[in-house]
């Protein structure tokens, strides 16, 4: 049940509250009445309501029906968008009979409000300070109406079978102390800060080549970082002990306009790109309150991308830029041209293959992956929150260094775009539990996972991926590489994020952990301690 419904709860109603001898049983009365109450209270917040009750006690025809307490189990399919609304609108104030009925139903929660369009309506307002609190509106509604209309003393006894997990992706207090205080959503404020940063970049005047676009690819931009990307109070960070703060750097790709003046030598291309980064950094520092640093990477591969630019704003955000110097991926073509040389020595060939993979991960597949997540976030509101929970769970079991964050994101995407036999998850908790179920049941040794991110894959593609996977396993029966094969619209190899990690030992460990977690939740959902799922014991 916890995998199919979005909100699940159980509550025991005392017999004195439900005694009605004109119906077949107390359970029948409660189911009918509760369904009616929830339909009226939740309206469009839910798409399906399931109410079941314990079996009635048996008795002979000639005896008096025994009194009994009834335990109700509720299952709700919620609408991801409507479930988060803050206001329930009632009838206009001048519709006296309907307004009186609304106030009778909602009691002290009902109030008269004037709205921007001039209408004056009876309303119920759910005050929420954070995005996380809005997820709980349906649960608050259920508690309130059951206590008001069924039994006043049971509101605190309602047991929600799906544990609330969003607290697990809230940063610890010592980390929050380094954040700039704000009441707004951290992901939204990051996006606004990035838009201002892009304007600063495009306003630069003395540029040899114009910046055609700046593409955000970091986890903060795709809303999938474990902790919210709050702005940092750098003055506080300087006084903190190492390891007691979290200062994320948000990655983006600068795409330059095309030019035929770039050199054909790959080493020279990297040097010119570093020169561009230094030039951009100097101009930004001259025109804004910004600190910039050029960092070096891939030092052992002088033909791969060698540098990035870190841009740090006083307002508390840091961005990391890499340059894609040609919109047609000229750099990749130069690498591929070298690989076509049949006389290329084995070690040199391996080096060029590694460089090509790095380029594709940075500037082709990495961009495609980020763009796919942006598109899916518009279709599935709770996908990013689910990704954050799954990443937090893997991190809690100390396996995050062993698994690419993008591979984790693809696992969660699979749960949302291929939800059969259910509908797509409409809460982070259900999405998290279904991802655990996927990990527990997926036989990655014998089966690939094909994630159709945009619905464009056809049967021929599925067959092609299946045959390719069979060939991979025949060539590598010991599974030395690519324990997980994750095929997507942008990756026909199935291994761009999983070739080297997780290894088969880590993959098997993750399967065992997922099975154990599902077992804990299924055994006694009402008494599950959230910490138990996120414990490395």
Protein backbone atom coordinates (compact mmCIF):
# COMPACT_ATOMS: atom_id res chain seq x y z
CA UNK A 1 0.00 0.00 0.00
CA UNK A 2 2.80 2.46 0.83
CA UNK A 3 4.13 2.06 -2.72
CA UNK A 4 0.79 2.74 -4.41
CA UNK A 5 -0.75 5.57 -2.37
CA UNK A 6 0.82 8.97 -1.74
CA UNK A 7 -0.59 9.49 1.75
CA UNK A 8 -1.41 6.51 3.96
CA UNK A 9 -2.63 6.59 7.54
CA UNK A 10 -4.57 4.58 10.09
CA UNK A 11 -6.72 5.71 13.01
CA UNK A 12 -8.83 3.92 15.59
CA UNK A 13 -12.26 5.46 16.31
CA UNK A 14 -13.85 4.56 19.69
CA UNK A 15 -17.22 2.77 19.50
CA UNK A 16 -19.04 5.45 21.48
CA UNK A 17 -18.37 7.88 18.66
CA UNK A 18 -19.76 5.63 15.94
CA UNK A 19 -22.67 3.84 17.53
CA UNK A 20 -25.47 3.59 14.95
CA UNK A 21 -27.68 0.52 15.06
CA UNK A 22 -29.54 1.35 11.84
CA UNK A 23 -26.55 0.32 9.68
CA UNK A 24 -25.02 -3.13 9.03
CA UNK A 25 -21.95 -2.37 11.16
CA UNK A 26 -19.93 0.38 12.77
CA UNK A 27 -17.21 -0.16 10.18
CA UNK A 28 -19.67 0.37 7.33
CA UNK A 29 -20.88 3.60 8.92
CA UNK A 30 -17.38 4.90 9.42
CA UNK A 31 -16.18 4.11 5.91
CA UNK A 32 -19.15 5.88 4.35
CA UNK A 33 -18.95 8.90 6.63
CA UNK A 34 -15.17 9.25 6.42
CA UNK A 35 -15.17 9.05 2.63
CA UNK A 36 -17.77 11.81 2.46
CA UNK A 37 -15.83 14.02 4.88
CA UNK A 38 -12.52 13.59 3.07
CA UNK A 39 -14.06 14.22 -0.36
CA UNK A 40 -15.53 17.49 0.91
CA UNK A 41 -12.35 18.59 2.70
CA UNK A 42 -9.70 17.61 0.16
CA UNK A 43 -11.61 18.38 -3.08
CA UNK A 44 -9.11 18.62 -5.96
CA UNK A 45 -6.09 18.02 -3.75
CA UNK A 46 -6.65 14.29 -4.28
CA UNK A 47 -7.57 12.16 -7.27
CA UNK A 48 -8.59 9.04 -5.34
CA UNK A 49 -9.66 8.24 -1.78
CA UNK A 50 -9.60 4.71 -0.38
CA UNK A 51 -11.08 4.03 3.06
CA UNK A 52 -11.10 0.55 4.57
CA UNK A 53 -12.01 -0.64 8.05
CA UNK A 54 -11.41 -3.64 10.24
CA UNK A 55 -13.82 -6.56 9.80
CA UNK A 56 -16.87 -6.29 12.02
CA UNK A 57 -17.23 -8.61 14.95
CA UNK A 58 -19.56 -11.57 14.32
CA UNK A 59 -22.67 -12.16 16.45
CA UNK A 60 -25.83 -14.27 16.32
CA UNK A 61 -29.08 -12.89 14.91
CA UNK A 62 -30.79 -13.07 18.28
CA UNK A 63 -28.02 -11.30 20.21
CA UNK A 64 -27.27 -7.62 20.55
CA UNK A 65 -24.53 -6.43 18.21
CA UNK A 66 -21.33 -5.99 20.25
CA UNK A 67 -19.80 -2.55 20.53
CA UNK A 68 -16.39 -2.16 18.97
CA UNK A 69 -13.69 0.34 18.13
CA UNK A 70 -13.05 0.56 14.40
CA UNK A 71 -9.64 1.05 12.84
CA UNK A 72 -9.69 2.95 9.57
CA UNK A 73 -6.94 2.76 6.98
CA UNK A 74 -6.87 5.65 4.52
CA UNK A 75 -5.07 5.76 1.18
CA UNK A 76 -4.95 8.96 -0.89
CA UNK A 77 -3.70 9.62 -4.41
CA UNK A 78 -2.82 13.29 -4.38
CA UNK A 79 -2.50 15.83 -7.16
CA UNK A 80 1.09 17.16 -7.03
CA UNK A 81 0.12 20.73 -7.88
CA UNK A 82 -3.26 21.11 -6.19
CA UNK A 83 -2.13 19.42 -2.96
CA UNK A 84 0.26 22.30 -2.24
CA UNK A 85 -2.17 25.20 -2.57
CA UNK A 86 -2.40 27.42 0.48
CA UNK A 87 -6.04 28.49 0.22
CA UNK A 88 -9.27 26.52 -0.12
CA UNK A 89 -11.95 28.74 -1.65
CA UNK A 90 -15.52 28.47 -0.46
CA UNK A 91 -18.77 30.14 -1.54
CA UNK A 92 -19.28 33.92 -1.78
CA UNK A 93 -20.30 35.65 1.43
CA UNK A 94 -23.70 36.65 -0.01
CA UNK A 95 -24.67 33.01 -0.60
CA UNK A 96 -25.88 32.69 2.96
CA UNK A 97 -26.91 29.04 3.05
CA UNK A 98 -23.74 27.74 1.35
CA UNK A 99 -21.54 30.04 3.45
CA UNK A 100 -23.15 28.78 6.68
CA UNK A 101 -22.59 25.17 5.59
CA UNK A 102 -18.95 25.94 4.80
CA UNK A 103 -18.39 27.51 8.22
CA UNK A 104 -20.14 24.62 9.96
CA UNK A 105 -17.89 22.14 8.21
CA UNK A 106 -14.58 23.98 8.78
CA UNK A 107 -15.32 25.59 12.14
CA UNK A 108 -12.64 27.98 13.38
CA UNK A 109 -10.51 27.38 10.26
CA UNK A 110 -13.04 29.22 8.08
CA UNK A 111 -12.56 32.93 7.48
CA UNK A 112 -13.88 35.59 5.12
CA UNK A 113 -11.27 36.97 2.70
CA UNK A 114 -11.16 39.49 -0.13
CA UNK A 115 -9.08 38.44 -3.16
CA UNK A 116 -7.28 40.43 -5.85
CA UNK A 117 -10.11 40.01 -8.34
CA UNK A 118 -12.47 41.75 -5.89
CA UNK A 119 -14.35 38.61 -4.85
CA UNK A 120 -15.18 38.06 -1.17
CA UNK A 121 -15.22 34.36 -0.34
CA UNK A 122 -15.36 32.05 2.62
CA UNK A 123 -11.90 30.48 2.77
CA UNK A 124 -9.57 28.17 4.65
CA UNK A 125 -5.93 29.28 4.76
CA UNK A 126 -3.06 26.90 5.53
CA UNK A 127 -0.13 28.95 6.80
CA UNK A 128 3.22 27.55 5.65
CA UNK A 129 6.62 29.21 5.96
CA UNK A 130 8.64 26.73 3.90
CA UNK A 131 8.17 24.59 0.81
CA UNK A 132 8.48 21.48 2.98
CA UNK A 133 5.52 22.59 5.12
CA UNK A 134 3.33 22.80 2.03
CA UNK A 135 3.86 19.07 1.43
CA UNK A 136 2.12 18.47 4.75
CA UNK A 137 -1.12 20.35 4.02
CA UNK A 138 -2.99 17.17 3.04
CA UNK A 139 -1.94 15.47 6.29
CA UNK A 140 -2.94 18.53 8.33
CA UNK A 141 -6.31 18.56 6.59
CA UNK A 142 -6.91 14.87 7.33
CA UNK A 143 -6.06 15.33 11.02
CA UNK A 144 -8.29 18.36 11.35
CA UNK A 145 -11.47 17.05 9.69
CA UNK A 146 -11.29 13.61 11.35
CA UNK A 147 -10.91 15.21 14.76
CA UNK A 148 -13.73 17.67 14.04
CA UNK A 149 -16.26 15.32 12.50
CA UNK A 150 -15.45 11.82 13.79
CA UNK A 151 -13.70 11.92 17.15
CA UNK A 152 -12.10 14.91 18.80
CA UNK A 153 -9.59 12.87 20.74
CA UNK A 154 -7.95 10.96 17.91
CA UNK A 155 -6.13 13.69 15.98
CA UNK A 156 -2.88 12.92 17.76
CA UNK A 157 -3.37 9.17 17.33
CA UNK A 158 -3.49 9.18 13.54
CA UNK A 159 -0.53 7.15 12.31
CA UNK A 160 0.82 8.05 8.87
CA UNK A 161 2.25 4.88 7.37
CA UNK A 162 4.50 6.68 4.87
CA UNK A 163 7.20 8.31 7.00
CA UNK A 164 7.97 11.98 6.48
CA UNK A 165 11.52 12.12 5.17
CA UNK A 166 12.09 15.69 4.00
CA UNK A 167 13.79 16.53 7.28
CA UNK A 168 16.61 14.23 6.18
CA UNK A 169 17.67 16.71 3.47
CA UNK A 170 17.75 19.69 5.80
CA UNK A 171 21.31 20.72 6.66
CA UNK A 172 22.53 20.33 10.27
CA UNK A 173 22.36 23.34 12.59
CA UNK A 174 26.11 23.97 12.48
CA UNK A 175 25.94 24.13 8.68
CA UNK A 176 22.87 26.40 8.68
CA UNK A 177 24.81 28.89 10.82
CA UNK A 178 26.93 29.76 7.80
CA UNK A 179 23.94 30.53 5.57
CA UNK A 180 22.62 33.99 4.81
CA UNK A 181 19.24 34.20 6.55
CA UNK A 182 16.34 34.18 4.09
CA UNK A 183 12.72 32.99 4.00
CA UNK A 184 12.57 32.17 0.30
CA UNK A 185 13.23 28.88 -1.48
CA UNK A 186 17.00 28.40 -1.82
CA UNK A 187 16.79 26.89 -5.31
CA UNK A 188 14.75 29.84 -6.59
CA UNK A 189 17.15 32.41 -5.14
CA UNK A 190 20.09 30.54 -6.70
CA UNK A 191 18.39 30.68 -10.11
CA UNK A 192 17.85 34.42 -9.71
CA UNK A 193 21.48 34.95 -8.71
CA UNK A 194 22.60 32.92 -11.72
CA UNK A 195 20.46 35.02 -14.07
CA UNK A 196 22.16 38.15 -12.72
CA UNK A 197 25.55 36.47 -13.20
CA UNK A 198 24.72 35.64 -16.83
CA UNK A 199 23.79 39.28 -17.44
CA UNK A 200 27.17 40.34 -16.05
CA UNK A 201 28.92 37.92 -18.41
CA UNK A 202 27.02 39.04 -21.47
CA UNK A 203 27.63 42.69 -20.62
CA UNK A 204 31.41 42.22 -20.89
CA UNK A 205 32.63 44.49 -23.68
CA UNK A 206 36.24 43.58 -24.44
CA UNK A 207 35.74 39.97 -25.54
CA UNK A 208 37.56 38.40 -28.56
CA UNK A 209 34.51 36.15 -29.05
CA UNK A 210 30.99 36.81 -27.88
CA UNK A 211 29.36 34.55 -25.28
CA UNK A 212 26.40 32.93 -27.00
CA UNK A 213 24.98 31.23 -23.90
CA UNK A 214 25.74 30.13 -20.36
CA UNK A 215 24.20 26.74 -19.56
CA UNK A 216 23.64 25.74 -15.90
CA UNK A 217 24.55 22.09 -15.24
CA UNK A 218 25.22 21.85 -11.49
CA UNK A 219 23.03 19.99 -9.01
CA UNK A 220 21.80 23.25 -7.48
CA UNK A 221 20.42 24.34 -10.85
CA UNK A 222 18.61 21.04 -11.43
CA UNK A 223 17.20 21.17 -7.87
CA UNK A 224 18.86 17.84 -7.04
CA UNK A 225 21.58 18.78 -4.54
CA UNK A 226 21.10 17.05 -1.18
CA UNK A 227 21.11 20.30 0.78
CA UNK A 228 19.38 23.47 -0.44
CA UNK A 229 21.91 25.85 -2.07
CA UNK A 230 21.55 28.75 0.34
CA UNK A 231 23.80 31.77 -0.07
CA UNK A 232 26.87 31.58 2.15
CA UNK A 233 27.86 34.08 4.81
CA UNK A 234 31.57 34.02 4.05
CA UNK A 235 32.46 36.08 7.13
CA UNK A 236 30.98 33.30 9.30
CA UNK A 237 32.68 30.56 7.30
CA UNK A 238 36.11 32.03 7.95
CA UNK A 239 35.56 31.51 11.68
CA UNK A 240 34.31 27.91 11.36
CA UNK A 241 36.29 24.75 11.81
CA UNK A 242 37.09 22.81 8.66
CA UNK A 243 34.33 20.29 7.94
CA UNK A 244 31.64 22.22 9.82
CA UNK A 245 30.38 24.17 6.83
CA UNK A 246 29.07 23.46 3.34
CA UNK A 247 29.93 25.90 0.54
CA UNK A 248 28.74 24.55 -2.82
CA UNK A 249 30.13 25.65 -6.17
CA UNK A 250 27.53 25.74 -8.93
CA UNK A 251 28.81 24.55 -12.31
CA UNK A 252 27.93 26.06 -15.69
CA UNK A 253 29.20 25.91 -19.27
CA UNK A 254 30.11 29.00 -21.29
CA UNK A 255 29.37 28.49 -24.98
CA UNK A 256 31.26 30.85 -27.29
CA UNK A 257 30.27 31.84 -30.79
CA UNK A 258 31.97 29.91 -33.58
CA UNK A 259 35.27 31.04 -35.05
CA UNK A 260 37.71 29.61 -37.59
CA UNK A 261 40.74 31.10 -35.78
CA UNK A 262 41.02 28.42 -33.12
CA UNK A 263 44.19 26.28 -33.45
CA UNK A 264 44.05 22.66 -34.58
CA UNK A 265 46.44 21.53 -31.85
CA UNK A 266 44.53 20.26 -28.82
CA UNK A 267 47.17 21.45 -26.35
CA UNK A 268 47.00 24.94 -27.82
CA UNK A 269 43.19 24.92 -27.59
CA UNK A 270 43.40 24.29 -23.85
CA UNK A 271 45.92 27.12 -23.38
CA UNK A 272 43.71 29.55 -25.29
CA UNK A 273 40.69 28.53 -23.17
CA UNK A 274 42.65 29.28 -20.00
CA UNK A 275 43.55 32.65 -21.45
CA UNK A 276 39.84 33.33 -22.04
CA UNK A 277 39.06 32.41 -18.44
CA UNK A 278 41.73 34.75 -17.09
CA UNK A 279 40.42 37.56 -19.31
CA UNK A 280 36.82 37.00 -18.17
CA UNK A 281 37.91 36.92 -14.52
CA UNK A 282 39.81 40.22 -14.77
CA UNK A 283 36.88 41.97 -16.43
CA UNK A 284 34.37 40.70 -13.87
CA UNK A 285 36.54 41.83 -10.96
CA UNK A 286 36.96 45.25 -12.55
CA UNK A 287 33.23 45.87 -12.97
CA UNK A 288 31.60 44.10 -9.99
CA UNK A 289 32.18 43.11 -6.36
CA UNK A 290 33.45 39.72 -7.41
CA UNK A 291 36.44 37.52 -6.63
CA UNK A 292 37.65 35.12 -9.33
CA UNK A 293 40.16 32.28 -9.40
CA UNK A 294 41.28 30.13 -12.31
CA UNK A 295 41.72 26.50 -11.28
CA UNK A 296 43.55 23.72 -13.12
CA UNK A 297 42.35 20.16 -13.68
CA UNK A 298 43.26 17.01 -15.63
CA UNK A 299 46.96 17.86 -15.25
CA UNK A 300 47.95 14.39 -16.45
CA UNK A 301 46.03 14.92 -19.73
CA UNK A 302 47.35 18.05 -21.40
CA UNK A 303 44.96 17.68 -24.35
CA UNK A 304 41.84 17.56 -22.14
CA UNK A 305 40.08 20.55 -20.61
CA UNK A 306 42.70 22.12 -18.36
CA UNK A 307 40.98 24.93 -16.53
CA UNK A 308 37.86 26.41 -14.98
CA UNK A 309 36.96 29.78 -13.52
CA UNK A 310 35.50 30.13 -10.03
CA UNK A 311 33.46 33.31 -9.61
CA UNK A 312 32.59 34.25 -6.03
CA UNK A 313 30.00 36.91 -5.27
CA UNK A 314 29.91 38.81 -1.99
CA UNK A 315 26.20 37.97 -1.80
CA UNK A 316 27.17 34.38 -1.04
CA UNK A 317 27.16 32.40 -4.30
CA UNK A 318 30.05 30.75 -6.14
CA UNK A 319 29.90 29.65 -9.78
CA UNK A 320 32.35 27.46 -11.69
CA UNK A 321 32.69 28.00 -15.45
CA UNK A 322 34.17 25.81 -18.17
CA UNK A 323 34.43 26.86 -21.81
CA UNK A 324 32.92 25.02 -24.77
CA UNK A 325 34.79 26.90 -27.45
CA UNK A 326 32.82 25.76 -30.51
CA UNK A 327 29.07 25.12 -30.85
CA UNK A 328 29.74 22.25 -33.29
CA UNK A 329 32.08 20.41 -30.90
CA UNK A 330 35.18 20.99 -32.99
CA UNK A 331 37.34 19.81 -30.09
CA UNK A 332 35.63 16.39 -30.08
CA UNK A 333 36.11 16.11 -33.84
CA UNK A 334 39.86 16.74 -33.44
CA UNK A 335 40.06 13.93 -30.89
CA UNK A 336 38.04 11.55 -33.06
CA UNK A 337 40.27 12.36 -36.05
CA UNK A 338 43.31 11.31 -34.02
CA UNK A 339 41.59 8.08 -33.00
CA UNK A 340 41.04 7.18 -36.66
CA UNK A 341 44.80 6.91 -37.09
CA UNK A 342 45.37 3.13 -37.23
CA UNK A 343 49.05 3.59 -36.46
CA UNK A 344 48.29 5.23 -33.12
CA UNK A 345 50.07 3.34 -30.29
CA UNK A 346 47.91 1.55 -27.73
CA UNK A 347 48.76 3.87 -24.82
CA UNK A 348 48.18 6.96 -26.93
CA UNK A 349 44.85 5.55 -28.14
CA UNK A 350 43.74 4.90 -24.55
CA UNK A 351 44.72 8.47 -23.70
CA UNK A 352 42.68 9.96 -26.55
CA UNK A 353 39.70 7.74 -25.64
CA UNK A 354 39.84 9.02 -22.08
CA UNK A 355 40.04 12.62 -23.26
CA UNK A 356 37.06 12.10 -25.58
CA UNK A 357 34.99 10.69 -22.71
CA UNK A 358 35.88 13.70 -20.54
CA UNK A 359 34.84 16.09 -23.29
CA UNK A 360 31.54 14.28 -23.86
CA UNK A 361 30.83 14.18 -20.12
CA UNK A 362 31.49 17.91 -19.76
CA UNK A 363 30.04 19.36 -22.93
CA UNK A 364 27.70 16.84 -24.61
CA UNK A 365 26.18 14.26 -22.30
CA UNK A 366 26.48 16.47 -19.22
CA UNK A 367 24.52 19.24 -20.93
CA UNK A 368 21.94 16.80 -22.28
CA UNK A 369 21.50 15.29 -18.83
CA UNK A 370 20.97 18.68 -17.16
CA UNK A 371 18.51 19.76 -19.85
CA UNK A 372 16.57 16.50 -19.45
CA UNK A 373 16.30 17.08 -15.69
CA UNK A 374 15.06 20.63 -16.27
CA UNK A 375 12.35 19.30 -18.60
CA UNK A 376 11.32 16.46 -16.26
CA UNK A 377 11.11 18.82 -13.30
CA UNK A 378 8.37 20.65 -15.17
CA UNK A 379 6.42 17.38 -15.63
CA UNK A 380 7.09 15.73 -12.26
CA UNK A 381 7.17 18.23 -9.43
CA UNK A 382 8.43 15.76 -6.82
CA UNK A 383 11.24 14.25 -8.90
CA UNK A 384 13.99 16.59 -7.59
CA UNK A 385 12.90 16.04 -3.99
CA UNK A 386 13.01 12.29 -4.52
CA UNK A 387 16.50 12.52 -6.02
CA UNK A 388 17.67 14.44 -2.95
CA UNK A 389 16.29 11.78 -0.62
CA UNK A 390 17.90 8.92 -2.55
CA UNK A 391 21.25 10.72 -2.63
CA UNK A 392 20.97 11.35 1.12
CA UNK A 393 20.19 7.68 1.73
CA UNK A 394 23.19 6.54 -0.31
CA UNK A 395 25.39 9.10 1.42
CA UNK A 396 24.18 7.95 4.85
CA UNK A 397 25.40 4.46 3.99
CA UNK A 398 28.77 5.96 2.99
CA UNK A 399 28.50 4.91 -0.65
CA UNK A 400 28.17 8.28 -2.40
CA UNK A 401 31.86 8.38 -3.50
CA UNK A 402 31.27 5.04 -5.20
CA UNK A 403 28.28 6.09 -7.32
CA UNK A 404 27.95 8.93 -9.80
CA UNK A 405 25.31 11.47 -8.80
CA UNK A 406 24.02 11.42 -12.38
CA UNK A 407 23.54 7.65 -12.23
CA UNK A 408 21.44 8.16 -9.09
CA UNK A 409 19.39 10.81 -10.88
CA UNK A 410 18.71 8.41 -13.75
CA UNK A 411 17.49 5.71 -11.35
CA UNK A 412 14.95 8.13 -9.91
CA UNK A 413 13.97 9.36 -13.38
CA UNK A 414 13.19 5.74 -14.30
CA UNK A 415 10.75 5.50 -11.38
CA UNK A 416 8.90 8.58 -12.61
CA UNK A 417 8.88 8.05 -16.38
CA UNK A 418 8.27 4.27 -16.15
CA UNK A 419 5.97 3.98 -13.09
CA UNK A 420 3.97 0.90 -14.20
CA UNK A 421 1.92 -0.60 -12.56
CA UNK A 422 1.40 2.62 -10.57
CA UNK A 423 1.01 6.24 -11.53
CA UNK A 424 4.06 8.47 -11.23
CA UNK A 425 4.92 9.23 -7.58
CA UNK A 426 3.18 12.31 -6.23
CA UNK A 427 5.18 12.66 -3.03
CA UNK A 428 8.92 12.55 -2.30
CA UNK A 429 8.47 9.73 0.21
CA UNK A 430 6.66 7.42 -2.21
CA UNK A 431 9.20 8.22 -4.93
CA UNK A 432 12.00 7.37 -2.51
CA UNK A 433 10.41 4.06 -1.48
CA UNK A 434 9.77 3.08 -5.09
CA UNK A 435 13.40 3.81 -5.94
CA UNK A 436 14.44 1.51 -3.09
CA UNK A 437 12.05 -1.10 -4.49
CA UNK A 438 13.67 -0.72 -7.91
CA UNK A 439 17.15 -1.14 -6.44
CA UNK A 440 16.01 -4.17 -4.46
CA UNK A 441 14.38 -5.93 -7.43
CA UNK A 442 16.62 -4.93 -10.36
CA UNK A 443 18.89 -7.79 -11.47
CA UNK A 444 21.60 -5.53 -12.88
CA UNK A 445 23.79 -8.52 -13.76
CA UNK A 446 21.29 -9.71 -16.36
CA UNK A 447 19.20 -6.67 -17.23
CA UNK A 448 19.91 -3.11 -18.34
CA UNK A 449 17.82 -0.15 -17.28
CA UNK A 450 16.50 1.87 -20.22
CA UNK A 451 15.38 5.36 -19.23
CA UNK A 452 13.27 7.13 -21.87
CA UNK A 453 13.71 10.71 -20.69
CA UNK A 454 11.56 12.38 -23.33
CA UNK A 455 9.36 9.58 -24.70
CA UNK A 456 11.23 9.37 -28.00
CA UNK A 457 12.60 5.81 -27.73
CA UNK A 458 10.83 3.24 -29.90
CA UNK A 459 10.80 -0.56 -29.88
CA UNK A 460 13.76 -0.75 -32.26
CA UNK A 461 15.88 1.32 -29.87
CA UNK A 462 14.94 -0.90 -26.93
CA UNK A 463 15.95 -3.96 -28.96
CA UNK A 464 19.21 -2.28 -29.98
CA UNK A 465 20.06 -1.46 -26.37
CA UNK A 466 19.22 -5.02 -25.30
CA UNK A 467 21.55 -6.55 -27.91
CA UNK A 468 24.31 -4.11 -27.03
CA UNK A 469 23.98 -5.05 -23.36
CA UNK A 470 24.20 -8.76 -24.20
CA UNK A 471 27.40 -8.09 -26.14
CA UNK A 472 28.88 -6.14 -23.22
CA UNK A 473 28.19 -8.96 -20.78
CA UNK A 474 29.67 -11.55 -23.17
CA UNK A 475 32.86 -9.52 -23.50
CA UNK A 476 33.03 -8.91 -19.75
CA UNK A 477 31.39 -11.91 -18.01
CA UNK A 478 33.13 -11.07 -14.73
CA UNK A 479 31.58 -7.57 -14.78
CA UNK A 480 34.85 -5.74 -14.23
CA UNK A 481 33.23 -2.59 -15.64
CA UNK A 482 29.74 -1.12 -15.92
CA UNK A 483 27.95 -3.11 -13.23
CA UNK A 484 24.96 -0.89 -13.92
CA UNK A 485 23.96 -0.34 -17.54
CA UNK A 486 21.79 2.78 -17.80
CA UNK A 487 20.72 3.52 -21.38
CA UNK A 488 19.18 6.90 -22.15
CA UNK A 489 18.20 9.03 -25.12
CA UNK A 490 21.62 10.71 -25.04
CA UNK A 491 23.76 7.64 -24.24
CA UNK A 492 23.63 4.46 -26.32
CA UNK A 493 26.59 2.89 -24.47
CA UNK A 494 24.74 2.58 -21.14
CA UNK A 495 27.96 3.28 -19.26
CA UNK A 496 28.82 6.97 -19.51
CA UNK A 497 28.10 7.48 -15.78
CA UNK A 498 28.65 3.90 -14.63
CA UNK A 499 31.67 2.46 -16.42
CA UNK A 500 33.98 2.68 -13.42
CA UNK A 501 31.52 2.98 -10.56
CA UNK A 502 29.72 1.42 -8.87
CA UNK A 503 31.76 -1.77 -8.96
CA UNK A 504 29.90 -5.05 -8.64
CA UNK A 505 30.65 -5.29 -4.90
CA UNK A 506 29.18 -1.85 -4.26
CA UNK A 507 26.23 -2.58 -6.56
CA UNK A 508 25.50 -5.80 -4.64
CA UNK A 509 25.79 -3.95 -1.33
CA UNK A 510 23.34 -1.31 -2.53
CA UNK A 511 20.86 -4.01 -3.56
CA UNK A 512 21.13 -5.60 -0.10
CA UNK A 513 20.65 -2.25 1.64
CA UNK A 514 17.57 -1.48 -0.47
CA UNK A 515 16.04 -4.87 0.36
CA UNK A 516 16.71 -4.32 4.04
CA UNK A 517 15.17 -0.83 3.98
CA UNK A 518 12.04 -2.02 2.17
CA UNK A 519 11.72 -4.83 4.71
CA UNK A 520 11.92 -2.36 7.61
CA UNK A 521 9.24 -0.13 6.11
CA UNK A 522 6.92 -2.99 5.13
CA UNK A 523 7.14 -4.84 8.46
CA UNK A 524 5.59 -2.14 10.59
CA UNK A 525 5.17 1.10 8.71
CA UNK A 526 3.45 2.90 11.54
CA UNK A 527 6.38 2.57 13.93
CA UNK A 528 9.23 3.17 11.49
CA UNK A 529 11.92 5.52 12.75
CA UNK A 530 13.13 7.62 9.87
CA UNK A 531 16.67 7.46 11.21
CA UNK A 532 16.65 3.67 10.81
CA UNK A 533 16.48 4.01 7.01
CA UNK A 534 19.38 6.45 7.00
CA UNK A 535 21.60 4.58 9.41
CA UNK A 536 24.84 2.90 8.36
CA UNK A 537 24.55 0.29 11.11
